[in-house]
Amino acid sequence: MSETVLLDPGSERDPSQREPRALPLDLSGRTVGLLDISKPRGDVFLDEIASLLEAEGATVTRFRKPTFTRPAPTELRQDIAEQCDLVLEGLAD
């Protein structure tokens, strides 16, 4: 059996030490946020992910960062936290 390694996308200089949340076994009735970081073709990738999630019964809510060169604004992060059970961030080039 292979080991699963989860990477925290936060600062590598000061990695946070926390236990990851358990993933839900069923997406039915869950709201999943998809965050487009504004890189070219990221929306194309997230369109496909949205279709897969909706087929599993999830409600998909889309969000977009103003630019990929900076962290998501606080207000955007708060909106995602308030509206979603789970969030996926996608990028592409």
N, C-alpha and C. Protein backbone atom coordinates (compact mmCIF):
# COMPACT_ATOMS: atom_id res chain seq x y z
N MET A 1 0.85 -1.18 0.00
CA MET A 1 0.00 0.00 0.00
C MET A 1 0.89 1.24 0.00
N SER A 2 0.60 2.20 -0.86
CA SER A 2 1.44 3.40 -0.94
C SER A 2 1.01 4.44 0.08
N GLU A 3 1.93 5.27 0.47
CA GLU A 3 1.68 6.32 1.45
C GLU A 3 1.24 7.59 0.73
N THR A 4 0.22 8.27 1.26
CA THR A 4 -0.24 9.52 0.70
C THR A 4 0.47 10.67 1.40
N VAL A 5 1.03 11.57 0.62
CA VAL A 5 1.71 12.74 1.18
C VAL A 5 0.94 13.98 0.74
N LEU A 6 0.51 14.78 1.72
CA LEU A 6 -0.17 16.03 1.42
C LEU A 6 0.79 17.18 1.62
N LEU A 7 0.85 18.08 0.66
CA LEU A 7 1.74 19.22 0.73
C LEU A 7 0.94 20.47 1.03
N ASP A 8 1.43 21.27 1.96
CA ASP A 8 0.78 22.53 2.31
C ASP A 8 1.33 23.61 1.38
N PRO A 9 0.45 24.29 0.62
CA PRO A 9 0.93 25.30 -0.32
C PRO A 9 1.35 26.60 0.35
N GLY A 10 1.38 26.64 1.66
CA GLY A 10 1.79 27.85 2.38
C GLY A 10 3.29 28.05 2.31
N SER A 11 3.77 28.93 3.11
CA SER A 11 5.19 29.28 3.12
C SER A 11 6.07 28.10 3.49
N GLU A 12 7.08 27.85 2.69
CA GLU A 12 8.02 26.77 2.99
C GLU A 12 8.99 27.18 4.08
N ARG A 13 9.15 28.47 4.32
CA ARG A 13 10.07 28.94 5.36
C ARG A 13 9.52 28.66 6.75
N ASP A 14 8.22 28.68 6.87
CA ASP A 14 7.58 28.47 8.16
C ASP A 14 6.37 27.56 7.97
N PRO A 15 6.61 26.26 7.69
CA PRO A 15 5.49 25.37 7.41
C PRO A 15 4.59 25.20 8.64
N SER A 16 3.30 25.18 8.40
CA SER A 16 2.38 25.00 9.52
C SER A 16 2.30 23.52 9.88
N GLN A 17 2.12 23.26 11.13
CA GLN A 17 2.00 21.89 11.63
C GLN A 17 0.56 21.68 12.06
N ARG A 18 -0.22 21.04 11.21
CA ARG A 18 -1.61 20.78 11.54
C ARG A 18 -2.05 19.50 10.86
N GLU A 19 -3.03 18.88 11.45
CA GLU A 19 -3.58 17.66 10.87
C GLU A 19 -4.55 18.03 9.75
N PRO A 20 -4.46 17.38 8.61
CA PRO A 20 -5.42 17.68 7.55
C PRO A 20 -6.81 17.20 7.95
N ARG A 21 -7.82 17.92 7.47
CA ARG A 21 -9.20 17.51 7.72
C ARG A 21 -9.50 16.23 6.95
N ALA A 22 -10.39 15.44 7.50
CA ALA A 22 -10.83 14.24 6.80
C ALA A 22 -11.67 14.65 5.60
N LEU A 23 -11.45 13.99 4.48
CA LEU A 23 -12.23 14.28 3.28
C LEU A 23 -13.58 13.59 3.39
N PRO A 24 -14.64 14.23 2.87
CA PRO A 24 -15.96 13.60 2.92
C PRO A 24 -16.01 12.38 2.00
N LEU A 25 -16.76 11.39 2.41
CA LEU A 25 -16.91 10.19 1.58
C LEU A 25 -17.88 10.40 0.44
N ASP A 26 -18.77 11.38 0.57
CA ASP A 26 -19.80 11.63 -0.42
C ASP A 26 -19.87 13.13 -0.71
N LEU A 27 -19.92 13.50 -1.96
CA LEU A 27 -20.00 14.92 -2.34
C LEU A 27 -21.44 15.41 -2.50
N SER A 28 -22.39 14.50 -2.45
CA SER A 28 -23.80 14.87 -2.61
C SER A 28 -24.19 15.94 -1.59
N GLY A 29 -24.76 17.04 -2.09
CA GLY A 29 -25.22 18.09 -1.20
C GLY A 29 -24.12 19.02 -0.70
N ARG A 30 -22.88 18.76 -1.07
CA ARG A 30 -21.76 19.62 -0.66
C ARG A 30 -21.57 20.74 -1.67
N THR A 31 -21.08 21.87 -1.18
CA THR A 31 -20.72 22.96 -2.07
C THR A 31 -19.20 22.97 -2.20
N VAL A 32 -18.73 22.83 -3.42
CA VAL A 32 -17.30 22.81 -3.70
C VAL A 32 -16.94 24.09 -4.44
N GLY A 33 -16.01 24.84 -3.89
CA GLY A 33 -15.52 26.04 -4.53
C GLY A 33 -14.36 25.71 -5.44
N LEU A 34 -14.37 26.26 -6.64
CA LEU A 34 -13.26 26.11 -7.57
C LEU A 34 -12.62 27.48 -7.73
N LEU A 35 -11.36 27.58 -7.34
CA LEU A 35 -10.64 28.85 -7.40
C LEU A 35 -9.71 28.86 -8.61
N ASP A 36 -10.01 29.72 -9.55
CA ASP A 36 -9.17 29.94 -10.74
C ASP A 36 -8.15 31.00 -10.36
N ILE A 37 -6.87 30.67 -10.46
CA ILE A 37 -5.85 31.64 -10.04
C ILE A 37 -5.48 32.62 -11.15
N SER A 38 -6.20 32.58 -12.25
CA SER A 38 -6.04 33.52 -13.38
C SER A 38 -4.85 33.23 -14.28
N LYS A 39 -4.42 31.99 -14.32
CA LYS A 39 -3.40 31.62 -15.31
C LYS A 39 -4.11 31.18 -16.58
N PRO A 40 -3.46 31.34 -17.73
CA PRO A 40 -4.10 30.94 -18.99
C PRO A 40 -4.56 29.48 -18.96
N ARG A 41 -5.77 29.26 -19.42
CA ARG A 41 -6.41 27.95 -19.57
C ARG A 41 -6.77 27.28 -18.25
N GLY A 42 -6.59 27.96 -17.14
CA GLY A 42 -7.03 27.40 -15.86
C GLY A 42 -8.53 27.18 -15.85
N ASP A 43 -9.26 28.06 -16.51
CA ASP A 43 -10.72 27.93 -16.58
C ASP A 43 -11.13 26.67 -17.34
N VAL A 44 -10.36 26.29 -18.35
CA VAL A 44 -10.65 25.09 -19.13
C VAL A 44 -10.50 23.85 -18.24
N PHE A 45 -9.43 23.80 -17.48
CA PHE A 45 -9.20 22.71 -16.55
C PHE A 45 -10.33 22.63 -15.52
N LEU A 46 -10.68 23.78 -14.94
CA LEU A 46 -11.71 23.80 -13.90
C LEU A 46 -13.10 23.50 -14.46
N ASP A 47 -13.35 23.80 -15.73
CA ASP A 47 -14.61 23.41 -16.35
C ASP A 47 -14.79 21.88 -16.30
N GLU A 48 -13.72 21.17 -16.60
CA GLU A 48 -13.76 19.70 -16.57
C GLU A 48 -13.96 19.19 -15.14
N ILE A 49 -13.25 19.80 -14.20
CA ILE A 49 -13.40 19.40 -12.79
C ILE A 49 -14.83 19.66 -12.33
N ALA A 50 -15.40 20.80 -12.71
CA ALA A 50 -16.78 21.13 -12.33
C ALA A 50 -17.75 20.08 -12.83
N SER A 51 -17.58 19.63 -14.06
CA SER A 51 -18.46 18.59 -14.62
C SER A 51 -18.37 17.30 -13.82
N LEU A 52 -17.17 16.91 -13.45
CA LEU A 52 -16.99 15.68 -12.66
C LEU A 52 -17.63 15.82 -11.28
N LEU A 53 -17.44 16.96 -10.64
CA LEU A 53 -18.01 17.18 -9.30
C LEU A 53 -19.54 17.21 -9.34
N GLU A 54 -20.09 17.87 -10.34
CA GLU A 54 -21.55 17.95 -10.47
C GLU A 54 -22.14 16.56 -10.73
N ALA A 55 -21.43 15.73 -11.46
CA ALA A 55 -21.89 14.35 -11.70
C ALA A 55 -21.93 13.55 -10.40
N GLU A 56 -21.13 13.95 -9.42
CA GLU A 56 -21.11 13.30 -8.11
C GLU A 56 -22.11 13.92 -7.14
N GLY A 57 -22.90 14.90 -7.62
CA GLY A 57 -23.93 15.50 -6.78
C GLY A 57 -23.53 16.76 -6.04
N ALA A 58 -22.34 17.27 -6.32
CA ALA A 58 -21.87 18.49 -5.65
C ALA A 58 -22.43 19.73 -6.36
N THR A 59 -22.59 20.78 -5.59
CA THR A 59 -22.89 22.10 -6.14
C THR A 59 -21.55 22.80 -6.29
N VAL A 60 -21.29 23.35 -7.45
CA VAL A 60 -20.00 23.98 -7.72
C VAL A 60 -20.18 25.50 -7.76
N THR A 61 -19.32 26.19 -7.03
CA THR A 61 -19.28 27.65 -7.03
C THR A 61 -17.89 28.05 -7.51
N ARG A 62 -17.85 28.97 -8.49
CA ARG A 62 -16.58 29.38 -9.08
C ARG A 62 -16.10 30.70 -8.49
N PHE A 63 -14.79 30.81 -8.32
CA PHE A 63 -14.14 32.02 -7.85
C PHE A 63 -12.91 32.26 -8.72
N ARG A 64 -12.47 33.52 -8.78
CA ARG A 64 -11.29 33.85 -9.59
C ARG A 64 -10.46 34.91 -8.89
N LYS A 65 -9.16 34.64 -8.79
CA LYS A 65 -8.24 35.65 -8.26
C LYS A 65 -8.03 36.74 -9.31
N PRO A 66 -7.78 37.98 -8.87
CA PRO A 66 -7.53 39.05 -9.83
C PRO A 66 -6.25 38.82 -10.65
N THR A 67 -5.26 38.18 -10.03
CA THR A 67 -3.98 37.91 -10.71
C THR A 67 -3.31 36.71 -10.06
N PHE A 68 -2.57 35.95 -10.84
CA PHE A 68 -1.88 34.79 -10.28
C PHE A 68 -0.60 35.18 -9.55
N THR A 69 -0.17 36.43 -9.70
CA THR A 69 1.10 36.86 -9.11
C THR A 69 1.02 37.22 -7.64
N ARG A 70 -0.18 37.27 -7.08
CA ARG A 70 -0.35 37.64 -5.68
C ARG A 70 -1.30 36.67 -4.99
N PRO A 71 -1.22 36.56 -3.67
CA PRO A 71 -2.18 35.72 -2.94
C PRO A 71 -3.60 36.24 -3.14
N ALA A 72 -4.55 35.37 -2.95
CA ALA A 72 -5.96 35.77 -3.06
C ALA A 72 -6.27 36.84 -2.02
N PRO A 73 -7.02 37.88 -2.40
CA PRO A 73 -7.38 38.92 -1.44
C PRO A 73 -8.17 38.33 -0.26
N THR A 74 -8.05 38.96 0.89
CA THR A 74 -8.71 38.49 2.10
C THR A 74 -10.21 38.33 1.90
N GLU A 75 -10.84 39.30 1.25
CA GLU A 75 -12.28 39.23 1.03
C GLU A 75 -12.67 38.00 0.21
N LEU A 76 -11.89 37.68 -0.80
CA LEU A 76 -12.15 36.50 -1.62
C LEU A 76 -12.01 35.24 -0.79
N ARG A 77 -10.97 35.15 0.02
CA ARG A 77 -10.77 33.98 0.87
C ARG A 77 -11.91 33.82 1.87
N GLN A 78 -12.39 34.93 2.41
CA GLN A 78 -13.51 34.88 3.34
C GLN A 78 -14.78 34.41 2.64
N ASP A 79 -15.03 34.90 1.44
CA ASP A 79 -16.20 34.46 0.66
C ASP A 79 -16.16 32.95 0.43
N ILE A 80 -15.01 32.45 0.05
CA ILE A 80 -14.86 31.01 -0.19
C ILE A 80 -15.14 30.23 1.09
N ALA A 81 -14.56 30.67 2.20
CA ALA A 81 -14.73 29.97 3.48
C ALA A 81 -16.19 29.96 3.92
N GLU A 82 -16.90 31.05 3.68
CA GLU A 82 -18.30 31.15 4.09
C GLU A 82 -19.23 30.33 3.21
N GLN A 83 -18.92 30.20 1.92
CA GLN A 83 -19.85 29.60 0.97
C GLN A 83 -19.60 28.12 0.68
N CYS A 84 -18.40 27.63 1.00
CA CYS A 84 -18.02 26.30 0.51
C CYS A 84 -17.67 25.32 1.63
N ASP A 85 -17.97 24.04 1.35
CA ASP A 85 -17.55 22.96 2.23
C ASP A 85 -16.13 22.52 1.91
N LEU A 86 -15.78 22.61 0.64
CA LEU A 86 -14.45 22.21 0.15
C LEU A 86 -14.03 23.20 -0.91
N VAL A 87 -12.73 23.30 -1.15
CA VAL A 87 -12.25 24.17 -2.22
C VAL A 87 -11.10 23.49 -2.96
N LEU A 88 -11.09 23.64 -4.27
CA LEU A 88 -10.01 23.19 -5.12
C LEU A 88 -9.45 24.39 -5.85
N GLU A 89 -8.14 24.45 -5.91
CA GLU A 89 -7.49 25.56 -6.62
C GLU A 89 -6.83 24.96 -7.84
N GLY A 90 -7.11 25.56 -9.00
CA GLY A 90 -6.56 25.00 -10.23
C GLY A 90 -5.76 26.02 -11.00
N LEU A 91 -4.69 25.51 -11.64
CA LEU A 91 -3.91 26.39 -12.49
C LEU A 91 -3.52 25.62 -13.73
N ALA A 92 -3.19 26.32 -14.75
CA ALA A 92 -2.76 25.69 -16.00
C ALA A 92 -1.98 26.71 -16.81
N ASP A 93 -1.28 26.25 -17.77
CA ASP A 93 -0.54 27.09 -18.73
C ASP A 93 -0.63 26.45 -20.08
